[in-house]
Amino acid sequence: MLRTTALLTAALVVLTALPATAHPSGDWAGWQKDPNGSRHNAAEWRLDQNNAGKLKLKWAFAYPKGEFNAVRSQPAVVGDTIYFGGPDGKFYARDKRTGNAKWEFTLPPATRYAYNSDGPTVSNGKVFFGDSAGRLFALDQRTGQKRWQTQMDDTIASQTTSSPIVHGGLVYVGTSSGENMLPRDYPCCTFRGHMDAYDIDTGALVWRHYTVPEPVEVGTWPNGAKRFEPSGVGVWSSPVIDRRTGTLYVGTGQNYSGKGGEFDSLLALNARTGAVKWTNQVTDADTWRWACNEPDPEGYCPGLKDNTNLDYDIGATPNLFSVGGRQLVGVGQKSGVYHVFDATTGQVVWRRQLGVPLPSAGISGIQWGSSYDGKRLYIATYYADPGKLFAVDPATGDVLWETPAPEDGCSTGGAAGQPGCARAHGVPVSSSPGVVWLGAQDGKFRAYHARTGKILWSYDTVQDVRGVNGLTGRGGVMAGPGTGAVVSDGMVYVQSGYHSDWVNPNGSVLLAFGL
């Protein structure tokens, strides 16, 4: 009896030690994988560095060809189900092994074209996700019936690229906007980035933290359009949460007009109230809109003369990790720098320049997210001539290995002859024991040896595949927050087809690989 009691007590200790959102079976229930944003599935035991080279395509799901074909929704996998959204305005639940349909949900009409623009999170019997029309949804996990929806932002180009995270009865998500991409005659700009917390049962807004003061009219642009400032500072990336201290960490974007607010910053907020604990701003000035890339930007691009039109967002999700008992938070920036701060104080611990961005703003540095497996940080650079995958020591920032995007990536397979192909990574990194997973701008999806950086396996997604839904699809550029790999229970899932510049007679695809 004493022995039985001791065993039960030990089991309860183990179970109690597990996070409230943990999935011991190896589920990947949200974009971040876990509250710390590790993007690492430590529970994966079927796949490793010894057999990753034997992966085969098990099934595919093809989206219908449309005017908009970009996939932005990294899947979530819980139990026997995979959850994902498409560019077709629908959200799907399918059997993770076979791809067979379980249910689907059609986004309700909006004032503009709506599609799932972030990765879903499955928690408390619900599936949470946002869309390109600035709305947040909660669906019943089992049936797909809508439980609630809320309008997070109703400005002209607001959208949700920040994937939600759930903690303590709240769902947290940020809001971004494409307002700075609108033509010069638009009265730029009035959007204010914000980080929100909603009640998971009702969708009621519990708190909101604005990242920039309310814009005010300050005159006109050279063409006479009204000018408002400061504006912008969108929350493009997904938040993470330190459950022990109740702190939410999230990065912010640049100003669209004027200068002000928490632009290009890492924020530490009280997860219960939204109050600021600390903020670290990593750029002195950064005001950018699309006019900076157009001919004759003088007068429309305020940072042109002093070279502060950088577009150096913190568009990547942070990683929380511990070194020598000290809690740290790291995050990549589009400048190509990975920053590490003391998670309690915001003090800089180390910084490492991993990639030198190209002169053209908006296609540089580190984007969307990195992975941490308890030993190494895995960080990828986008357009950095060439983009590389790095393994970095979390204590010092020392580079342990680096592997450039292969030289032949754009001359072989489906990428050959396609416009604008480059040796670049614009994809969040994922990992599982022994393996790092990363797609590239050349449309190739690759597995790397976690200890050496050697490429173990490569699959060309730019080829026609027949989907389990009866349509033929084809992958393309792998970039953006939705084309990160999800590893779960011996399977690897990835979306392919970020934008429509490449010739593609079909729609984009979701691919499912296994041994």
Protein backbone atom coordinates (compact mmCIF):
# COMPACT_ATOMS: atom_id res chain seq x y z
CA MET A 1 0.00 0.00 0.00
CA LEU A 2 2.84 2.38 0.87
CA ARG A 3 4.57 1.56 -2.40
CA THR A 4 1.34 2.19 -4.37
CA THR A 5 0.83 5.51 -2.61
CA ALA A 6 4.40 6.52 -3.37
CA LEU A 7 3.96 5.68 -7.04
CA LEU A 8 0.71 7.63 -7.22
CA THR A 9 2.33 10.60 -5.50
CA ALA A 10 5.24 10.52 -7.95
CA ALA A 11 2.85 10.38 -10.90
CA LEU A 12 0.90 13.34 -9.55
CA VAL A 13 4.12 15.32 -9.15
CA VAL A 14 5.01 14.65 -12.79
CA LEU A 15 1.56 15.59 -14.01
CA THR A 16 1.48 18.73 -11.88
CA ALA A 17 4.84 19.77 -13.32
CA LEU A 18 3.42 19.75 -16.84
CA PRO A 19 2.23 23.12 -18.20
CA ALA A 20 -1.52 23.63 -18.33
CA THR A 21 -1.30 23.83 -22.12
CA ALA A 22 1.18 20.95 -22.52
CA HIS A 23 0.35 17.95 -24.68
CA PRO A 24 2.40 14.93 -23.52
CA SER A 25 1.33 12.98 -26.62
CA GLY A 26 3.33 15.31 -28.82
CA ASP A 27 0.50 17.49 -30.10
CA TRP A 28 1.43 20.81 -31.72
CA ALA A 29 -1.56 22.82 -30.54
CA GLY A 30 -0.52 26.32 -31.60
CA TRP A 31 1.90 28.29 -33.74
CA GLN A 32 4.41 28.74 -30.90
CA LYS A 33 4.17 25.03 -29.94
CA ASP A 34 4.27 25.98 -26.24
CA PRO A 35 4.00 29.09 -24.04
CA ASN A 36 7.78 29.63 -24.30
CA GLY A 37 7.68 29.80 -28.11
CA SER A 38 10.20 26.97 -28.54
CA ARG A 39 8.78 25.69 -31.85
CA HIS A 40 10.30 22.39 -30.74
CA ASN A 41 8.48 19.10 -30.18
CA ALA A 42 10.51 17.30 -27.51
CA ALA A 43 7.95 14.47 -27.40
CA GLU A 44 8.63 13.39 -30.99
CA TRP A 45 10.28 9.95 -30.92
CA ARG A 46 9.43 8.35 -34.23
CA LEU A 47 11.41 10.81 -36.36
CA ASP A 48 15.07 11.59 -35.77
CA GLN A 49 18.30 12.40 -37.60
CA ASN A 50 18.72 8.74 -38.57
CA ASN A 51 15.47 8.27 -40.47
CA ALA A 52 14.42 11.78 -41.56
CA GLY A 53 15.90 11.04 -44.99
CA LYS A 54 13.25 8.36 -45.51
CA LEU A 55 10.24 10.67 -45.30
CA LYS A 56 7.59 10.24 -48.00
CA LEU A 57 4.54 12.28 -48.94
CA LYS A 58 1.56 10.54 -47.32
CA TRP A 59 -1.23 12.88 -48.39
CA ALA A 60 -1.88 16.39 -49.63
CA PHE A 61 -4.70 18.89 -49.53
CA ALA A 62 -5.05 21.18 -52.56
CA TYR A 63 -6.72 24.60 -52.41
CA PRO A 64 -8.86 25.81 -55.31
CA LYS A 65 -7.15 28.20 -57.68
CA GLY A 66 -8.26 31.78 -57.03
CA GLU A 67 -7.21 35.40 -57.26
CA PHE A 68 -5.50 35.00 -53.90
CA ASN A 69 -3.47 31.82 -53.41
CA ALA A 70 -1.05 32.62 -50.57
CA VAL A 71 -1.21 30.21 -47.62
CA ARG A 72 -0.75 31.96 -44.26
CA SER A 73 -2.09 29.43 -41.75
CA GLN A 74 0.40 27.08 -40.11
CA PRO A 75 -1.59 24.00 -38.99
CA ALA A 76 -2.28 22.88 -35.44
CA VAL A 77 -2.36 19.17 -34.61
CA VAL A 78 -4.23 17.85 -31.57
CA GLY A 79 -5.19 14.22 -31.03
CA ASP A 80 -6.11 12.67 -34.36
CA THR A 81 -7.00 15.97 -36.04
CA ILE A 82 -5.17 18.64 -38.02
CA TYR A 83 -6.66 22.15 -38.09
CA PHE A 84 -5.74 24.73 -40.75
CA GLY A 85 -7.07 27.63 -42.78
CA GLY A 86 -6.73 28.36 -46.47
CA PRO A 87 -6.61 31.28 -48.89
CA ASP A 88 -10.12 30.26 -50.03
CA GLY A 89 -11.92 31.74 -47.01
CA LYS A 90 -12.44 28.37 -45.34
CA PHE A 91 -11.12 26.68 -42.22
CA TYR A 92 -10.65 22.91 -42.13
CA ALA A 93 -10.46 20.03 -39.65
CA ARG A 94 -9.13 16.77 -41.13
CA ASP A 95 -7.82 13.42 -40.00
CA LYS A 96 -4.09 13.89 -39.43
CA ARG A 97 -3.16 10.45 -40.82
CA THR A 98 -5.36 10.29 -43.91
CA GLY A 99 -6.51 13.84 -44.65
CA ASN A 100 -10.14 12.69 -44.58
CA ALA A 101 -12.64 15.46 -43.84
CA LYS A 102 -14.08 16.00 -40.35
CA TRP A 103 -15.61 19.46 -40.67
CA GLU A 104 -15.08 22.79 -42.36
CA PHE A 105 -16.08 26.34 -41.58
CA THR A 106 -16.66 29.15 -44.07
CA LEU A 107 -15.69 32.62 -42.91
CA PRO A 108 -18.71 34.92 -42.82
CA PRO A 109 -18.85 37.84 -45.30
CA ALA A 110 -16.71 40.87 -44.53
CA THR A 111 -16.26 44.32 -46.02
CA ARG A 112 -13.21 42.96 -47.89
CA TYR A 113 -11.92 39.57 -48.96
CA ALA A 114 -11.37 37.45 -45.85
CA TYR A 115 -9.10 34.46 -45.41
CA ASN A 116 -7.34 32.80 -42.48
CA SER A 117 -4.14 34.84 -42.05
CA ASP A 118 -2.60 33.29 -38.94
CA GLY A 119 -2.06 29.88 -37.35
CA PRO A 120 -4.84 28.44 -35.18
CA THR A 121 -4.52 27.56 -31.51
CA VAL A 122 -6.51 24.68 -30.02
CA SER A 123 -7.32 24.99 -26.32
CA ASN A 124 -10.20 24.48 -23.87
CA GLY A 125 -12.31 22.69 -26.46
CA LYS A 126 -12.08 25.56 -28.95
CA VAL A 127 -10.08 26.54 -32.01
CA PHE A 128 -8.97 30.19 -32.08
CA PHE A 129 -7.74 32.04 -35.18
CA GLY A 130 -7.80 35.44 -36.84
CA ASP A 131 -8.42 36.56 -40.40
CA SER A 132 -7.34 39.17 -42.92
CA ALA A 133 -10.36 41.35 -42.09
CA GLY A 134 -9.24 41.96 -38.51
CA ARG A 135 -11.59 39.44 -36.88
CA LEU A 136 -10.95 36.77 -34.24
CA PHE A 137 -12.93 33.53 -34.18
CA ALA A 138 -13.55 30.75 -31.68
CA LEU A 139 -14.94 27.49 -33.09
CA ASP A 140 -16.03 24.34 -31.32
CA GLN A 141 -13.09 21.96 -31.59
CA ARG A 142 -15.30 18.92 -32.19
CA THR A 143 -17.95 20.27 -34.55
CA GLY A 144 -16.56 23.46 -36.09
CA GLN A 145 -19.59 25.46 -34.98
CA LYS A 146 -18.85 29.10 -34.27
CA ARG A 147 -18.83 29.91 -30.55
CA TRP A 148 -18.04 33.59 -30.98
CA GLN A 149 -16.32 36.13 -33.17
CA THR A 150 -15.12 39.63 -32.47
CA GLN A 151 -13.85 42.53 -34.56
CA MET A 152 -10.37 43.28 -33.26
CA ASP A 153 -9.81 46.28 -35.52
CA ASP A 154 -11.96 47.95 -38.18
CA THR A 155 -9.43 50.27 -39.85
CA ILE A 156 -9.12 49.95 -43.61
CA ALA A 157 -6.29 47.39 -43.88
CA SER A 158 -6.08 45.79 -40.45
CA GLN A 159 -5.27 42.10 -40.37
CA THR A 160 -4.14 39.31 -38.07
CA THR A 161 -0.75 37.75 -38.72
CA SER A 162 -0.13 37.25 -35.00
CA SER A 163 -1.22 33.75 -34.01
CA PRO A 164 -3.12 33.51 -30.72
CA ILE A 165 -1.91 31.98 -27.50
CA VAL A 166 -4.10 30.90 -24.56
CA HIS A 167 -3.28 31.31 -20.87
CA GLY A 168 -5.30 31.74 -17.69
CA GLY A 169 -8.70 31.91 -19.36
CA LEU A 170 -7.60 34.52 -21.92
CA VAL A 171 -6.64 34.35 -25.57
CA TYR A 172 -3.93 36.82 -26.59
CA VAL A 173 -3.35 38.11 -30.11
CA GLY A 174 -1.84 41.16 -31.82
CA THR A 175 -3.09 43.26 -34.74
CA SER A 176 -1.15 44.52 -37.75
CA SER A 177 -2.09 46.45 -40.88
CA GLY A 178 -1.17 46.96 -44.52
CA GLU A 179 -2.24 50.61 -44.43
CA ASN A 180 1.30 51.75 -45.25
CA MET A 181 1.13 49.80 -48.51
CA LEU A 182 -1.74 51.91 -49.89
CA PRO A 183 -1.18 54.46 -52.71
CA ARG A 184 0.26 57.92 -52.10
CA ASP A 185 -3.09 59.65 -52.41
CA TYR A 186 -4.31 57.78 -49.34
CA PRO A 187 -4.40 59.97 -46.16
CA CYS A 188 -1.65 58.01 -44.41
CA CYS A 189 -1.92 56.88 -41.69
CA THR A 190 -4.35 56.28 -38.82
CA PHE A 191 -3.69 52.67 -37.80
CA ARG A 192 -2.50 51.98 -34.25
CA GLY A 193 -0.96 48.61 -33.49
CA HIS A 194 -2.26 46.82 -30.41
CA MET A 195 -1.96 43.69 -28.32
CA ASP A 196 -5.26 42.31 -26.99
CA ALA A 197 -6.53 39.81 -24.44
CA TYR A 198 -10.00 38.26 -24.87
CA ASP A 199 -12.12 36.05 -22.64
CA ILE A 200 -11.92 32.52 -24.08
CA ASP A 201 -15.59 31.78 -23.39
CA THR A 202 -17.27 34.98 -24.54
CA GLY A 203 -14.81 36.83 -26.77
CA ALA A 204 -15.14 39.94 -24.59
CA LEU A 205 -12.13 42.26 -24.67
CA VAL A 206 -10.42 42.13 -21.26
CA TRP A 207 -7.54 44.52 -22.00
CA ARG A 208 -5.83 46.25 -24.91
CA HIS A 209 -2.36 47.75 -25.09
CA TYR A 210 -1.81 50.27 -27.89
CA THR A 211 1.74 50.44 -29.19
CA VAL A 212 1.56 54.01 -30.52
CA PRO A 213 -0.28 57.22 -29.46
CA GLU A 214 -3.45 58.15 -31.30
CA PRO A 215 -2.49 59.72 -34.67
CA VAL A 216 -3.43 63.37 -35.21
CA GLU A 217 -3.70 65.39 -38.41
CA VAL A 218 -0.50 67.41 -38.90
CA GLY A 219 -0.90 68.76 -42.45
CA THR A 220 -0.73 67.22 -45.89
CA TRP A 221 1.51 65.09 -48.03
CA PRO A 222 3.03 66.67 -51.18
CA ASN A 223 0.00 65.63 -53.26
CA GLY A 224 -2.43 67.26 -50.84
CA ALA A 225 -3.60 64.07 -49.09
CA LYS A 226 -4.14 64.48 -45.36
CA ARG A 227 -1.21 63.51 -43.17
CA PHE A 228 -1.60 61.85 -39.77
CA GLU A 229 1.14 60.88 -37.32
CA PRO A 230 2.50 59.02 -35.50
CA SER A 231 1.02 55.76 -36.73
CA GLY A 232 1.74 52.09 -37.36
CA VAL A 233 3.75 49.95 -34.93
CA GLY A 234 1.76 46.85 -35.80
CA VAL A 235 2.07 43.58 -33.92
CA TRP A 236 2.96 41.18 -36.72
CA SER A 237 4.39 38.40 -34.63
CA SER A 238 2.91 35.97 -32.13
CA PRO A 239 3.31 36.45 -28.36
CA VAL A 240 4.81 34.09 -25.78
CA ILE A 241 4.10 33.87 -22.05
CA ASP A 242 6.21 33.12 -19.01
CA ARG A 243 3.62 31.31 -16.89
CA ARG A 244 5.70 31.60 -13.70
CA THR A 245 5.80 35.39 -13.72
CA GLY A 246 2.63 36.04 -15.72
CA THR A 247 4.56 38.03 -18.32
CA LEU A 248 3.66 38.29 -22.00
CA TYR A 249 6.44 39.10 -24.50
CA VAL A 250 5.83 40.36 -28.03
CA GLY A 251 7.66 42.32 -30.73
CA THR A 252 6.46 45.38 -32.65
CA GLY A 253 6.85 46.90 -36.10
CA GLN A 254 7.94 50.28 -37.45
CA ASN A 255 6.11 53.61 -37.67
CA TYR A 256 4.12 54.27 -40.85
CA SER A 257 4.21 58.04 -40.37
CA GLY A 258 5.86 60.31 -37.84
CA LYS A 259 7.93 58.98 -34.99
CA GLY A 260 6.57 57.75 -31.70
CA GLY A 261 5.38 54.89 -29.58
CA GLU A 262 6.98 51.51 -28.98
CA PHE A 263 8.22 50.92 -32.54
CA ASP A 264 10.81 48.19 -33.22
CA SER A 265 10.56 47.06 -29.61
CA LEU A 266 10.27 43.98 -27.48
CA LEU A 267 7.50 44.47 -24.94
CA ALA A 268 7.09 42.73 -21.61
CA LEU A 269 3.47 43.10 -20.45
CA ASN A 270 1.55 41.93 -17.42
CA ALA A 271 -0.50 39.06 -18.88
CA ARG A 272 -3.43 39.76 -16.54
CA THR A 273 -3.72 43.53 -17.05
CA GLY A 274 -1.65 44.51 -20.09
CA ALA A 275 0.46 46.91 -18.01
CA VAL A 276 4.01 47.46 -19.26
CA LYS A 277 6.72 45.78 -17.19
CA TRP A 278 9.54 46.89 -19.46
CA THR A 279 10.26 47.68 -23.09
CA ASN A 280 13.49 47.63 -25.08
CA GLN A 281 13.55 49.65 -28.31
CA VAL A 282 16.24 48.33 -30.64
CA THR A 283 16.09 51.02 -33.37
CA ASP A 284 16.44 54.77 -32.85
CA ALA A 285 14.10 55.70 -35.70
CA ASP A 286 12.25 53.69 -38.32
CA THR A 287 9.48 55.26 -40.39
CA TRP A 288 8.61 53.37 -43.56
CA ARG A 289 5.79 53.05 -46.06
CA TRP A 290 5.68 51.55 -49.52
CA ALA A 291 6.35 54.95 -51.07
CA CYS A 292 9.96 54.53 -49.88
CA ASN A 293 10.38 51.84 -52.57
CA GLU A 294 8.78 53.87 -55.37
CA PRO A 295 10.43 56.30 -57.77
CA ASP A 296 10.67 59.87 -56.44
CA PRO A 297 9.86 59.06 -52.79
CA GLU A 298 10.96 62.53 -51.63
CA GLY A 299 8.38 63.98 -49.27
CA TYR A 300 6.51 60.70 -48.92
CA CYS A 301 9.26 58.80 -47.13
CA PRO A 302 10.17 60.85 -44.04
CA GLY A 303 13.30 58.84 -43.22
CA LEU A 304 14.84 59.12 -46.69
CA LYS A 305 17.25 61.98 -45.93
CA ASP A 306 18.55 60.62 -42.64
CA ASN A 307 18.43 56.95 -43.71
CA THR A 308 15.89 55.91 -41.09
CA ASN A 309 13.41 54.38 -43.56
CA LEU A 310 14.59 50.94 -42.50
CA ASP A 311 11.55 48.69 -42.10
CA TYR A 312 13.46 46.87 -39.35
CA ASP A 313 10.51 45.39 -37.51
CA ILE A 314 10.68 42.87 -34.78
CA GLY A 315 8.41 40.64 -36.79
CA ALA A 316 9.61 37.42 -35.17
CA THR A 317 8.13 35.61 -32.20
CA PRO A 318 10.36 35.61 -29.08
CA ASN A 319 11.96 32.53 -27.51
CA LEU A 320 11.97 32.11 -23.73
CA PHE A 321 14.81 30.00 -22.32
CA SER A 322 16.96 29.64 -19.22
CA VAL A 323 20.77 29.82 -18.95
CA GLY A 324 22.42 29.10 -15.62
CA GLY A 325 19.14 29.62 -13.80
CA ARG A 326 18.59 33.04 -15.41
CA GLN A 327 15.46 33.46 -17.50
CA LEU A 328 16.21 35.04 -20.87
CA VAL A 329 14.09 36.14 -23.82
CA GLY A 330 15.52 36.28 -27.33
CA VAL A 331 14.09 37.63 -30.56
CA GLY A 332 15.21 38.18 -34.14
CA GLN A 333 14.94 41.47 -36.02
CA LYS A 334 14.74 42.27 -39.73
CA SER A 335 18.11 43.99 -39.35
CA GLY A 336 19.59 40.47 -39.15
CA VAL A 337 20.36 40.77 -35.43
CA TYR A 338 19.23 38.28 -32.81
CA HIS A 339 18.81 40.03 -29.44
CA VAL A 340 18.79 38.38 -26.03
CA PHE A 341 17.50 40.20 -22.93
CA ASP A 342 17.11 39.43 -19.27
CA ALA A 343 13.46 38.40 -19.10
CA THR A 344 12.91 40.18 -15.78
CA THR A 345 14.61 43.52 -16.43
CA GLY A 346 14.93 43.87 -20.21
CA GLN A 347 18.69 44.36 -19.88
CA VAL A 348 20.68 43.29 -22.96
CA VAL A 349 22.58 40.03 -22.37
CA TRP A 350 24.02 39.54 -25.87
CA ARG A 351 23.41 40.41 -29.50
CA ARG A 352 24.58 38.66 -32.67
CA GLN A 353 24.51 39.96 -36.24
CA LEU A 354 23.67 36.83 -38.21
CA GLY A 355 22.78 38.32 -41.57
CA VAL A 356 23.45 41.56 -43.39
CA PRO A 357 20.17 42.63 -44.96
CA LEU A 358 19.90 43.67 -48.58
CA PRO A 359 19.44 47.40 -49.26
CA SER A 360 15.79 46.97 -50.28
CA ALA A 361 13.64 47.42 -47.20
CA GLY A 362 11.19 44.77 -46.17
CA ILE A 363 13.07 41.69 -47.42
CA SER A 364 15.82 41.39 -44.90
CA GLY A 365 17.15 39.83 -41.75
CA ILE A 366 15.33 37.47 -39.41
CA GLN A 367 11.59 37.04 -39.83
CA TRP A 368 8.72 35.23 -38.11
CA GLY A 369 10.46 32.91 -35.66
CA SER A 370 13.31 30.73 -34.41
CA SER A 371 13.44 27.43 -32.53
CA TYR A 372 15.04 26.32 -29.26
CA ASP A 373 15.54 22.65 -28.36
CA GLY A 374 17.06 23.07 -24.89
CA LYS A 375 20.61 23.01 -26.26
CA ARG A 376 20.75 25.30 -29.28
CA LEU A 377 18.87 28.18 -30.86
CA TYR A 378 18.10 27.64 -34.54
CA ILE A 379 17.79 30.91 -36.44
CA ALA A 380 17.29 31.48 -40.17
CA THR A 381 18.00 34.60 -42.23
CA TYR A 382 15.89 35.75 -45.17
CA TYR A 383 17.46 37.74 -48.03
CA ALA A 384 21.01 37.99 -46.68
CA ASP A 385 23.03 37.01 -49.78
CA PRO A 386 22.62 34.15 -49.10
CA GLY A 387 20.13 33.30 -46.38
CA LYS A 388 21.48 30.79 -43.92
CA LEU A 389 20.34 28.52 -41.10
CA PHE A 390 22.36 28.98 -37.90
CA ALA A 391 22.76 27.02 -34.70
CA VAL A 392 23.67 29.42 -31.89
CA ASP A 393 24.82 28.93 -28.31
CA PRO A 394 21.99 30.36 -26.14
CA ALA A 395 24.44 31.46 -23.41
CA THR A 396 26.88 33.45 -25.55
CA GLY A 397 25.47 33.89 -29.04
CA ASP A 398 28.44 32.03 -30.52
CA VAL A 399 27.64 30.42 -33.88
CA LEU A 400 27.97 26.64 -33.56
CA TRP A 401 27.31 25.96 -37.24
CA GLU A 402 25.82 27.67 -40.26
CA THR A 403 24.39 26.20 -43.45
CA PRO A 404 23.63 28.46 -46.42
CA ALA A 405 20.64 27.90 -48.66
CA PRO A 406 21.95 25.58 -51.41
CA GLU A 407 23.39 27.20 -54.53
CA ASP A 408 21.31 25.04 -56.87
CA GLY A 409 17.98 25.72 -55.17
CA CYS A 410 16.76 28.10 -57.87
CA SER A 411 18.17 26.15 -60.83
CA THR A 412 16.69 22.76 -60.00
CA GLY A 413 13.17 21.44 -59.62
CA GLY A 414 10.10 23.57 -59.94
CA ALA A 415 11.91 26.79 -59.02
CA ALA A 416 14.01 26.73 -62.19
CA GLY A 417 13.03 29.62 -64.45
CA GLN A 418 10.64 31.15 -61.92
CA PRO A 419 10.93 34.93 -61.45
CA GLY A 420 12.62 36.36 -58.38
CA CYS A 421 13.87 33.10 -56.92
CA ALA A 422 16.65 33.64 -54.38
CA ARG A 423 18.76 31.82 -51.79
CA ALA A 424 16.63 33.01 -48.91
CA HIS A 425 14.58 31.86 -45.91
CA GLY A 426 11.50 33.75 -44.81
CA VAL A 427 10.03 30.89 -42.83
CA PRO A 428 9.83 30.21 -39.09
CA VAL A 429 12.21 27.45 -37.98
CA SER A 430 10.91 24.28 -36.32
CA SER A 431 12.74 21.42 -34.64
CA SER A 432 12.32 17.99 -33.09
CA PRO A 433 14.95 15.83 -31.40
CA GLY A 434 17.94 15.62 -33.74
CA VAL A 435 16.32 17.47 -36.65
CA VAL A 436 15.72 21.08 -37.73
CA TRP A 437 12.97 21.75 -40.29
CA LEU A 438 12.99 24.72 -42.66
CA GLY A 439 11.45 25.69 -45.98
CA ALA A 440 13.00 28.18 -48.39
CA GLN A 441 12.19 30.77 -51.02
CA ASP A 442 13.15 28.21 -53.71
CA GLY A 443 10.16 26.08 -52.75
CA LYS A 444 12.29 23.33 -51.20
CA PHE A 445 11.44 21.91 -47.77
CA ARG A 446 14.51 20.58 -45.95
CA ALA A 447 15.52 18.64 -42.85
CA TYR A 448 18.87 19.46 -41.20
CA HIS A 449 20.99 17.56 -38.69
CA ALA A 450 20.58 19.47 -35.43
CA ARG A 451 24.17 18.92 -34.30
CA THR A 452 26.02 19.53 -37.58
CA GLY A 453 23.71 21.49 -39.91
CA LYS A 454 24.05 18.86 -42.65
CA ILE A 455 21.04 18.61 -44.96
CA LEU A 456 19.44 15.23 -44.35
CA TRP A 457 16.47 15.42 -46.71
CA SER A 458 14.92 17.76 -49.24
CA TYR A 459 11.53 17.81 -50.94
CA ASP A 460 10.61 20.04 -53.87
CA THR A 461 7.13 21.39 -53.14
CA VAL A 462 6.89 23.05 -56.58
CA GLN A 463 5.25 20.11 -58.32
CA ASP A 464 1.71 18.99 -58.99
CA VAL A 465 0.13 16.74 -56.38
CA ARG A 466 -3.34 15.28 -56.21
CA GLY A 467 -5.13 16.27 -53.03
CA VAL A 468 -7.34 14.04 -50.92
CA ASN A 469 -10.08 16.58 -51.66
CA GLY A 470 -9.99 15.76 -55.38
CA LEU A 471 -8.13 18.88 -56.55
CA THR A 472 -4.63 19.18 -57.96
CA GLY A 473 -2.36 21.63 -56.20
CA ARG A 474 1.19 22.87 -56.47
CA GLY A 475 3.48 24.49 -53.93
CA GLY A 476 5.62 27.53 -54.49
CA VAL A 477 7.61 30.08 -52.54
CA MET A 478 7.92 29.04 -48.91
CA ALA A 479 7.87 32.22 -46.83
CA GLY A 480 5.69 33.95 -44.28
CA PRO A 481 4.35 32.77 -40.92
CA GLY A 482 2.15 30.03 -42.37
CA THR A 483 4.83 27.85 -44.00
CA GLY A 484 6.58 26.73 -40.84
CA ALA A 485 6.74 22.99 -40.24
CA VAL A 486 4.62 21.19 -37.64
CA VAL A 487 6.04 17.92 -36.31
CA SER A 488 3.73 15.56 -34.45
CA ASP A 489 3.46 11.85 -33.80
CA GLY A 490 5.77 10.72 -36.60
CA MET A 491 4.35 13.13 -39.18
CA VAL A 492 5.53 16.47 -40.57
CA TYR A 493 3.03 18.98 -42.00
CA VAL A 494 3.77 22.09 -44.01
CA GLN A 495 1.96 24.56 -46.25
CA SER A 496 3.56 25.76 -49.50
CA GLY A 497 2.74 28.71 -51.72
CA TYR A 498 3.24 32.14 -50.15
CA HIS A 499 2.65 34.50 -53.06
CA SER A 500 1.48 34.32 -56.66
CA ASP A 501 4.46 35.68 -58.62
CA TRP A 502 5.43 32.21 -59.81
CA VAL A 503 3.62 30.52 -62.67
CA ASN A 504 1.19 28.04 -61.13
CA PRO A 505 -1.84 26.58 -62.92
CA ASN A 506 -3.18 25.28 -59.61
CA GLY A 507 -3.82 26.41 -56.07
CA SER A 508 -1.41 26.08 -53.13
CA VAL A 509 -1.07 22.94 -51.01
CA LEU A 510 -0.82 21.46 -47.55
CA LEU A 511 1.62 18.53 -47.51
CA ALA A 512 1.76 15.70 -44.94
CA PHE A 513 4.92 13.56 -44.69
CA GLY A 514 5.64 10.38 -42.79
CA LEU A 515 7.90 7.32 -42.79
